[in-house]
């Protein structure tokens, strides 16, 4: 079982509720989470959701998305 938690400087704080028997002896193995990997995973999930649920009727031309047109007020 993987349980997400963080250390607040004094104790481990669980990030989600867990269903464990009371007074059950447990053994823990601690491993730091690679936050960059987590961010990449969330970004991929967000992109999949975005592309799977397009906004109906939205149409932006390729010309409108050209750098010169997006930033013309800064030139």
Protein backbone atom coordinates (compact mmCIF):
# COMPACT_ATOMS: atom_id res chain seq x y z
CA UNK A 1 0.00 0.00 0.00
CA UNK A 2 1.30 3.47 -0.85
CA UNK A 3 0.27 6.26 1.50
CA UNK A 4 1.09 9.88 0.67
CA UNK A 5 2.30 11.99 3.58
CA UNK A 6 4.50 14.95 4.36
CA UNK A 7 6.76 15.88 7.25
CA UNK A 8 5.77 19.10 9.06
CA UNK A 9 9.05 19.38 10.95
CA UNK A 10 7.85 17.30 13.91
CA UNK A 11 5.63 14.49 12.71
CA UNK A 12 4.47 12.71 9.58
CA UNK A 13 1.10 14.00 8.42
CA UNK A 14 -1.01 11.80 6.16
CA UNK A 15 -2.30 13.55 3.06
CA UNK A 16 -5.36 11.34 2.78
CA UNK A 17 -7.45 9.11 5.06
CA UNK A 18 -6.36 5.49 5.37
CA UNK A 19 -8.23 2.35 6.37
CA UNK A 20 -5.89 0.48 8.72
CA UNK A 21 -6.69 -1.76 11.68
CA UNK A 22 -6.19 -0.13 15.09
CA UNK A 23 -3.03 -1.24 16.95
CA UNK A 24 -1.81 -3.24 13.96
CA UNK A 25 2.01 -3.38 13.87
CA UNK A 26 3.26 -1.70 10.69
CA UNK A 27 6.57 -1.31 8.94
CA UNK A 28 7.34 1.81 6.91
CA UNK A 29 9.73 2.53 4.09
CA UNK A 30 10.23 6.22 3.32
CA UNK A 31 10.98 7.53 -0.15
CA UNK A 32 10.97 11.16 -1.26
CA UNK A 33 8.63 11.92 -4.14
CA UNK A 34 10.20 13.37 -7.29
CA UNK A 35 8.13 16.54 -7.53
CA UNK A 36 9.22 17.22 -11.12
CA UNK A 37 7.87 13.82 -12.16
CA UNK A 38 4.64 14.53 -10.32
CA UNK A 39 4.29 17.91 -12.06
CA UNK A 40 4.95 16.32 -15.46
CA UNK A 41 2.34 13.66 -14.73
CA UNK A 42 -0.27 16.27 -13.74
CA UNK A 43 0.57 18.34 -16.82
CA UNK A 44 0.12 15.31 -19.10
CA UNK A 45 -3.22 14.52 -17.43
CA UNK A 46 -4.35 18.14 -17.81
CA UNK A 47 -3.34 18.15 -21.50
CA UNK A 48 -5.22 14.89 -22.13
CA UNK A 49 -8.30 16.33 -20.44
CA UNK A 50 -7.99 19.58 -22.40
CA UNK A 51 -7.65 17.85 -25.77
CA UNK A 52 -10.39 15.31 -24.98
CA UNK A 53 -12.91 18.05 -24.09
CA UNK A 54 -12.57 20.84 -26.65
CA UNK A 55 -14.63 24.00 -26.29
CA UNK A 56 -17.55 23.72 -28.69
CA UNK A 57 -17.50 26.31 -31.46
CA UNK A 58 -14.05 27.67 -30.60
CA UNK A 59 -11.96 28.32 -33.67
CA UNK A 60 -8.65 30.16 -33.64
CA UNK A 61 -6.87 30.52 -36.95
CA UNK A 62 -3.22 29.57 -37.37
CA UNK A 63 -2.52 33.15 -38.42
CA UNK A 64 -3.87 34.45 -35.11
CA UNK A 65 -1.48 32.19 -33.23
CA UNK A 66 1.65 33.41 -34.99
CA UNK A 67 4.15 35.01 -32.61
CA UNK A 68 4.06 38.30 -34.51
CA UNK A 69 0.33 38.58 -33.99
CA UNK A 70 0.32 37.48 -30.34
CA UNK A 71 2.99 39.99 -29.31
CA UNK A 72 2.57 42.76 -31.88
CA UNK A 73 1.85 45.33 -29.16
CA UNK A 74 5.33 44.66 -27.70
CA UNK A 75 7.22 45.27 -30.94
